[in-house]
Amino acid sequence: NDYLLRLRVEKTQEQLRQTNRSVTEIGLANGFSSGQYFSTVFARYTGVSPTEFRKGAKPRTPSRLQPIAG
């Protein structure tokens, strides 16, 4: 599960950089059940929100990565 979530987050990073689609649209298109869940998972894996990432914030390794239930 963790591996698949990481892959999905990596794919969404690409889309956030290359498209103007909304954050929610990108999350839903990549299998997340809601925009909120996508934002939560993205932030846990990258240390920044999808919106911050899109604005140019560099991903950072959060001090504590925790598995996401869902």
N, C-alpha and C. Protein backbone atom coordinates (compact mmCIF):
# COMPACT_ATOMS: atom_id res chain seq x y z
N ASN A 1 0.83 -1.19 0.00
CA ASN A 1 0.00 0.00 0.00
C ASN A 1 0.88 1.26 0.00
N ASP A 2 1.89 1.29 0.84
CA ASP A 2 2.79 2.45 0.92
C ASP A 2 3.47 2.69 -0.42
N TYR A 3 3.94 1.63 -1.04
CA TYR A 3 4.61 1.74 -2.34
C TYR A 3 3.69 2.34 -3.39
N LEU A 4 2.45 1.86 -3.43
CA LEU A 4 1.49 2.36 -4.41
C LEU A 4 1.14 3.83 -4.17
N LEU A 5 0.99 4.20 -2.90
CA LEU A 5 0.71 5.61 -2.60
C LEU A 5 1.87 6.49 -3.03
N ARG A 6 3.08 6.05 -2.79
CA ARG A 6 4.26 6.82 -3.21
C ARG A 6 4.28 7.00 -4.73
N LEU A 7 3.97 5.94 -5.46
CA LEU A 7 3.93 6.04 -6.93
C LEU A 7 2.86 7.04 -7.38
N ARG A 8 1.70 6.97 -6.75
CA ARG A 8 0.62 7.89 -7.12
C ARG A 8 1.00 9.33 -6.81
N VAL A 9 1.65 9.55 -5.68
CA VAL A 9 2.09 10.90 -5.33
C VAL A 9 3.13 11.40 -6.35
N GLU A 10 4.05 10.54 -6.74
CA GLU A 10 5.05 10.94 -7.75
C GLU A 10 4.37 11.32 -9.06
N LYS A 11 3.38 10.55 -9.45
CA LYS A 11 2.66 10.85 -10.69
C LYS A 11 1.93 12.19 -10.57
N THR A 12 1.34 12.46 -9.42
CA THR A 12 0.62 13.72 -9.25
C THR A 12 1.59 14.91 -9.23
N GLN A 13 2.79 14.71 -8.72
CA GLN A 13 3.79 15.79 -8.74
C GLN A 13 4.05 16.22 -10.18
N GLU A 14 4.19 15.25 -11.06
CA GLU A 14 4.40 15.52 -12.47
C GLU A 14 3.25 16.33 -13.05
N GLN A 15 2.04 15.93 -12.73
CA GLN A 15 0.85 16.61 -13.24
C GLN A 15 0.69 18.01 -12.66
N LEU A 16 1.06 18.19 -11.41
CA LEU A 16 1.00 19.52 -10.80
C LEU A 16 1.96 20.48 -11.50
N ARG A 17 3.10 19.96 -11.93
CA ARG A 17 4.09 20.78 -12.63
C ARG A 17 3.67 21.09 -14.06
N GLN A 18 3.04 20.12 -14.72
CA GLN A 18 2.84 20.21 -16.16
C GLN A 18 1.44 20.59 -16.62
N THR A 19 0.47 20.65 -15.73
CA THR A 19 -0.89 20.99 -16.15
C THR A 19 -1.45 22.10 -15.28
N ASN A 20 -2.57 22.65 -15.73
CA ASN A 20 -3.29 23.66 -14.95
C ASN A 20 -4.54 23.08 -14.31
N ARG A 21 -4.67 21.76 -14.36
CA ARG A 21 -5.84 21.11 -13.74
C ARG A 21 -5.84 21.41 -12.25
N SER A 22 -7.03 21.43 -11.66
CA SER A 22 -7.13 21.71 -10.23
C SER A 22 -6.51 20.57 -9.42
N VAL A 23 -6.13 20.91 -8.21
CA VAL A 23 -5.55 19.91 -7.30
C VAL A 23 -6.54 18.77 -7.09
N THR A 24 -7.80 19.10 -6.87
CA THR A 24 -8.82 18.07 -6.65
C THR A 24 -8.96 17.18 -7.87
N GLU A 25 -8.99 17.78 -9.05
CA GLU A 25 -9.11 17.02 -10.29
C GLU A 25 -7.95 16.04 -10.45
N ILE A 26 -6.74 16.50 -10.17
CA ILE A 26 -5.56 15.64 -10.27
C ILE A 26 -5.65 14.49 -9.27
N GLY A 27 -6.03 14.81 -8.05
CA GLY A 27 -6.16 13.76 -7.04
C GLY A 27 -7.17 12.71 -7.42
N LEU A 28 -8.35 13.15 -7.85
CA LEU A 28 -9.40 12.20 -8.22
C LEU A 28 -8.99 11.37 -9.43
N ALA A 29 -8.32 11.98 -10.40
CA ALA A 29 -7.89 11.28 -11.60
C ALA A 29 -6.83 10.22 -11.30
N ASN A 30 -6.18 10.34 -10.15
CA ASN A 30 -5.13 9.39 -9.79
C ASN A 30 -5.55 8.45 -8.67
N GLY A 31 -6.85 8.32 -8.49
CA GLY A 31 -7.37 7.29 -7.60
C GLY A 31 -7.58 7.68 -6.14
N PHE A 32 -7.41 8.95 -5.80
CA PHE A 32 -7.69 9.37 -4.43
C PHE A 32 -9.18 9.62 -4.31
N SER A 33 -9.74 9.28 -3.16
CA SER A 33 -11.20 9.32 -3.00
C SER A 33 -11.76 10.74 -2.86
N SER A 34 -10.92 11.69 -2.50
CA SER A 34 -11.37 13.08 -2.38
C SER A 34 -10.17 14.01 -2.48
N GLY A 35 -10.44 15.27 -2.71
CA GLY A 35 -9.37 16.25 -2.75
C GLY A 35 -8.67 16.39 -1.41
N GLN A 36 -9.45 16.31 -0.33
CA GLN A 36 -8.88 16.41 1.01
C GLN A 36 -7.94 15.25 1.31
N TYR A 37 -8.37 14.04 0.96
CA TYR A 37 -7.53 12.87 1.19
C TYR A 37 -6.24 12.97 0.37
N PHE A 38 -6.37 13.40 -0.88
CA PHE A 38 -5.19 13.58 -1.72
C PHE A 38 -4.23 14.58 -1.09
N SER A 39 -4.74 15.72 -0.63
CA SER A 39 -3.88 16.74 -0.02
C SER A 39 -3.18 16.22 1.23
N THR A 40 -3.90 15.45 2.02
CA THR A 40 -3.34 14.88 3.24
C THR A 40 -2.21 13.90 2.92
N VAL A 41 -2.47 13.00 1.99
CA VAL A 41 -1.46 12.00 1.60
C VAL A 41 -0.26 12.71 0.97
N PHE A 42 -0.50 13.63 0.07
CA PHE A 42 0.57 14.35 -0.62
C PHE A 42 1.47 15.04 0.41
N ALA A 43 0.87 15.74 1.36
CA ALA A 43 1.65 16.46 2.37
C ALA A 43 2.45 15.50 3.26
N ARG A 44 1.88 14.35 3.57
CA ARG A 44 2.61 13.39 4.41
C ARG A 44 3.83 12.84 3.68
N TYR A 45 3.71 12.65 2.38
CA TYR A 45 4.82 12.08 1.61
C TYR A 45 5.84 13.11 1.14
N THR A 46 5.42 14.36 0.99
CA THR A 46 6.34 15.36 0.44
C THR A 46 6.71 16.46 1.42
N GLY A 47 5.92 16.64 2.47
CA GLY A 47 6.19 17.70 3.43
C GLY A 47 5.59 19.05 3.05
N VAL A 48 4.95 19.11 1.89
CA VAL A 48 4.27 20.34 1.45
C VAL A 48 2.91 19.97 0.85
N SER A 49 2.00 20.92 0.84
CA SER A 49 0.69 20.66 0.24
C SER A 49 0.82 20.66 -1.29
N PRO A 50 -0.14 20.09 -1.99
CA PRO A 50 -0.09 20.14 -3.45
C PRO A 50 -0.05 21.58 -3.98
N THR A 51 -0.77 22.47 -3.35
CA THR A 51 -0.79 23.87 -3.78
C THR A 51 0.57 24.52 -3.57
N GLU A 52 1.20 24.27 -2.42
CA GLU A 52 2.55 24.81 -2.17
C GLU A 52 3.54 24.23 -3.17
N PHE A 53 3.41 22.95 -3.46
CA PHE A 53 4.29 22.30 -4.42
C PHE A 53 4.17 22.97 -5.79
N ARG A 54 2.93 23.20 -6.20
CA ARG A 54 2.68 23.82 -7.50
C ARG A 54 3.26 25.23 -7.56
N LYS A 55 3.25 25.94 -6.46
CA LYS A 55 3.79 27.30 -6.41
C LYS A 55 5.32 27.33 -6.37
N GLY A 56 5.93 26.16 -6.30
CA GLY A 56 7.38 26.10 -6.37
C GLY A 56 8.09 25.70 -5.09
N ALA A 57 7.33 25.37 -4.05
CA ALA A 57 7.96 24.92 -2.81
C ALA A 57 8.64 23.59 -3.07
N LYS A 58 9.83 23.44 -2.54
CA LYS A 58 10.55 22.18 -2.72
C LYS A 58 10.06 21.15 -1.72
N PRO A 59 9.83 19.93 -2.21
CA PRO A 59 9.43 18.88 -1.28
C PRO A 59 10.51 18.69 -0.23
N ARG A 60 10.10 18.39 0.96
CA ARG A 60 11.06 18.10 2.03
C ARG A 60 10.61 16.81 2.68
N THR A 61 11.54 16.18 3.32
CA THR A 61 11.20 14.93 3.99
C THR A 61 10.60 15.27 5.35
N PRO A 62 9.35 14.96 5.54
CA PRO A 62 8.75 15.22 6.85
C PRO A 62 9.51 14.46 7.93
N SER A 63 9.53 15.02 9.11
CA SER A 63 10.30 14.39 10.19
C SER A 63 9.74 13.01 10.55
N ARG A 64 8.45 12.85 10.41
CA ARG A 64 7.84 11.56 10.72
C ARG A 64 6.83 11.19 9.66
N LEU A 65 7.19 10.29 8.79
CA LEU A 65 6.22 9.78 7.83
C LEU A 65 5.41 8.72 8.52
N GLN A 66 4.10 8.87 8.46
CA GLN A 66 3.23 7.89 9.08
C GLN A 66 2.38 7.24 8.00
N PRO A 67 2.11 5.97 8.16
CA PRO A 67 1.24 5.31 7.18
C PRO A 67 -0.12 6.01 7.17
N ILE A 68 -0.73 6.03 6.02
CA ILE A 68 -2.04 6.65 5.84
C ILE A 68 -3.09 5.55 5.86
N ALA A 69 -4.09 5.71 6.71
CA ALA A 69 -5.18 4.75 6.72
C ALA A 69 -6.18 5.16 5.64
N GLY A 70 -6.73 4.22 4.95
CA GLY A 70 -7.73 4.61 3.98
C GLY A 70 -7.69 3.75 2.84
